[in-house]
């Protein structure tokens, strides 16, 4: 997942695995919250913050960069807009 989030970040967009969200109270959300980024693996939902054209273009690039037994299984499916 880190490669996918780095790819989007490198283009000025955002990508965040759904498991990476943390609910915060109003006071904490206005301050600085530090926590270690969890390692996400396996099938999961990822929220993308990018124009639809870029959200469709970048994931296949990420999947195509994978090699070897671990990365070789990368794929994406089911892109839907959430407003």
C-alpha atoms as a PDB file:
ATOM      1  CA  UNK A   1       0.000   0.000   0.000  1.00  0.00           C
ATOM      2  CA  UNK A   2       2.858   2.358   0.704  1.00  0.00           C
ATOM      3  CA  UNK A   3       3.844   2.381  -2.979  1.00  0.00           C
ATOM      4  CA  UNK A   4       0.283   3.284  -3.974  1.00  0.00           C
ATOM      5  CA  UNK A   5       0.031   6.122  -1.458  1.00  0.00           C
ATOM      6  CA  UNK A   6       3.500   7.356  -2.484  1.00  0.00           C
ATOM      7  CA  UNK A   7       2.480   7.321  -6.166  1.00  0.00           C
ATOM      8  CA  UNK A   8      -0.589   9.467  -5.485  1.00  0.00           C
ATOM      9  CA  UNK A   9       1.341  11.757  -3.151  1.00  0.00           C
ATOM     10  CA  UNK A  10       4.052  12.217  -5.765  1.00  0.00           C
ATOM     11  CA  UNK A  11       1.397  13.569  -8.130  1.00  0.00           C
ATOM     12  CA  UNK A  12      -0.044  15.931  -5.511  1.00  0.00           C
ATOM     13  CA  UNK A  13      -3.030  13.710  -4.621  1.00  0.00           C
ATOM     14  CA  UNK A  14      -3.999  11.508  -1.710  1.00  0.00           C
ATOM     15  CA  UNK A  15      -4.621   7.798  -1.193  1.00  0.00           C
ATOM     16  CA  UNK A  16      -5.469   6.243   2.147  1.00  0.00           C
ATOM     17  CA  UNK A  17      -6.422   2.654   3.001  1.00  0.00           C
ATOM     18  CA  UNK A  18      -9.782   2.562   4.783  1.00  0.00           C
ATOM     19  CA  UNK A  19      -8.114   0.788   7.712  1.00  0.00           C
ATOM     20  CA  UNK A  20      -5.852   3.807   8.190  1.00  0.00           C
ATOM     21  CA  UNK A  21      -8.626   6.169   9.273  1.00  0.00           C
ATOM     22  CA  UNK A  22      -8.878   7.163  12.897  1.00  0.00           C
ATOM     23  CA  UNK A  23     -11.844   8.971  14.434  1.00  0.00           C
ATOM     24  CA  UNK A  24     -10.788  11.923  16.547  1.00  0.00           C
ATOM     25  CA  UNK A  25     -12.628  14.262  18.867  1.00  0.00           C
ATOM     26  CA  UNK A  26     -12.880  17.917  17.772  1.00  0.00           C
ATOM     27  CA  UNK A  27     -10.077  18.992  20.114  1.00  0.00           C
ATOM     28  CA  UNK A  28      -7.628  16.367  18.820  1.00  0.00           C
ATOM     29  CA  UNK A  29      -8.573  16.934  15.182  1.00  0.00           C
ATOM     30  CA  UNK A  30      -7.512  20.580  15.480  1.00  0.00           C
ATOM     31  CA  UNK A  31      -4.118  19.691  16.973  1.00  0.00           C
ATOM     32  CA  UNK A  32      -1.261  17.466  15.957  1.00  0.00           C
ATOM     33  CA  UNK A  33      -1.826  13.749  16.309  1.00  0.00           C
ATOM     34  CA  UNK A  34       1.209  11.546  15.963  1.00  0.00           C
ATOM     35  CA  UNK A  35       0.960   7.829  15.377  1.00  0.00           C
ATOM     36  CA  UNK A  36       2.871   5.250  13.421  1.00  0.00           C
ATOM     37  CA  UNK A  37       1.478   4.314  10.043  1.00  0.00           C
ATOM     38  CA  UNK A  38       0.140   0.772  10.117  1.00  0.00           C
ATOM     39  CA  UNK A  39       1.248  -1.749   7.507  1.00  0.00           C
ATOM     40  CA  UNK A  40      -1.706  -2.731   5.352  1.00  0.00           C
ATOM     41  CA  UNK A  41      -1.704  -5.826   3.173  1.00  0.00           C
ATOM     42  CA  UNK A  42      -4.231  -7.936   1.341  1.00  0.00           C
ATOM     43  CA  UNK A  43      -7.471  -6.878  -0.290  1.00  0.00           C
ATOM     44  CA  UNK A  44      -8.802  -3.604   1.018  1.00  0.00           C
ATOM     45  CA  UNK A  45     -10.699  -0.447   0.166  1.00  0.00           C
ATOM     46  CA  UNK A  46      -8.587   2.621  -0.561  1.00  0.00           C
ATOM     47  CA  UNK A  47      -9.915   6.173  -0.606  1.00  0.00           C
ATOM     48  CA  UNK A  48      -8.420   8.290  -3.391  1.00  0.00           C
ATOM     49  CA  UNK A  49      -8.350  12.091  -3.424  1.00  0.00           C
ATOM     50  CA  UNK A  50      -7.724  12.939  -7.072  1.00  0.00           C
ATOM     51  CA  UNK A  51      -9.617  13.951 -10.190  1.00  0.00           C
ATOM     52  CA  UNK A  52     -11.444  10.941 -11.637  1.00  0.00           C
ATOM     53  CA  UNK A  53      -9.164  10.770 -14.686  1.00  0.00           C
ATOM     54  CA  UNK A  54      -6.071  10.512 -12.460  1.00  0.00           C
ATOM     55  CA  UNK A  55      -7.793   8.087 -10.077  1.00  0.00           C
ATOM     56  CA  UNK A  56      -8.311   5.779 -13.057  1.00  0.00           C
ATOM     57  CA  UNK A  57      -4.831   6.312 -14.574  1.00  0.00           C
ATOM     58  CA  UNK A  58      -2.544   5.863 -11.562  1.00  0.00           C
ATOM     59  CA  UNK A  59      -3.632   2.505 -10.012  1.00  0.00           C
ATOM     60  CA  UNK A  60      -2.897   0.482 -13.182  1.00  0.00           C
ATOM     61  CA  UNK A  61       0.564   2.067 -13.198  1.00  0.00           C
ATOM     62  CA  UNK A  62       1.039   0.946  -9.568  1.00  0.00           C
ATOM     63  CA  UNK A  63      -0.123  -2.578 -10.439  1.00  0.00           C
ATOM     64  CA  UNK A  64       2.205  -2.707 -13.456  1.00  0.00           C
ATOM     65  CA  UNK A  65       5.244  -1.760 -11.340  1.00  0.00           C
ATOM     66  CA  UNK A  66       4.826  -4.856  -9.164  1.00  0.00           C
ATOM     67  CA  UNK A  67       7.201  -7.740  -9.612  1.00  0.00           C
ATOM     68  CA  UNK A  68       8.037 -10.913  -7.769  1.00  0.00           C
ATOM     69  CA  UNK A  69       5.819 -13.220  -5.717  1.00  0.00           C
ATOM     70  CA  UNK A  70       4.619 -10.527  -3.301  1.00  0.00           C
ATOM     71  CA  UNK A  71       4.004  -7.612  -5.667  1.00  0.00           C
ATOM     72  CA  UNK A  72       2.902  -9.721  -8.601  1.00  0.00           C
ATOM     73  CA  UNK A  73      -0.639 -10.002  -7.267  1.00  0.00           C
ATOM     74  CA  UNK A  74      -1.465  -6.291  -7.316  1.00  0.00           C
ATOM     75  CA  UNK A  75      -4.729  -5.373  -8.937  1.00  0.00           C
ATOM     76  CA  UNK A  76      -7.464  -2.835  -8.655  1.00  0.00           C
ATOM     77  CA  UNK A  77     -11.172  -3.119  -9.171  1.00  0.00           C
ATOM     78  CA  UNK A  78     -14.348  -1.178  -8.620  1.00  0.00           C
ATOM     79  CA  UNK A  79     -13.627   2.538  -8.748  1.00  0.00           C
ATOM     80  CA  UNK A  80     -16.592   4.585  -7.557  1.00  0.00           C
ATOM     81  CA  UNK A  81     -16.988   8.312  -6.898  1.00  0.00           C
ATOM     82  CA  UNK A  82     -17.931   9.355  -3.366  1.00  0.00           C
ATOM     83  CA  UNK A  83     -19.027  12.944  -2.873  1.00  0.00           C
END
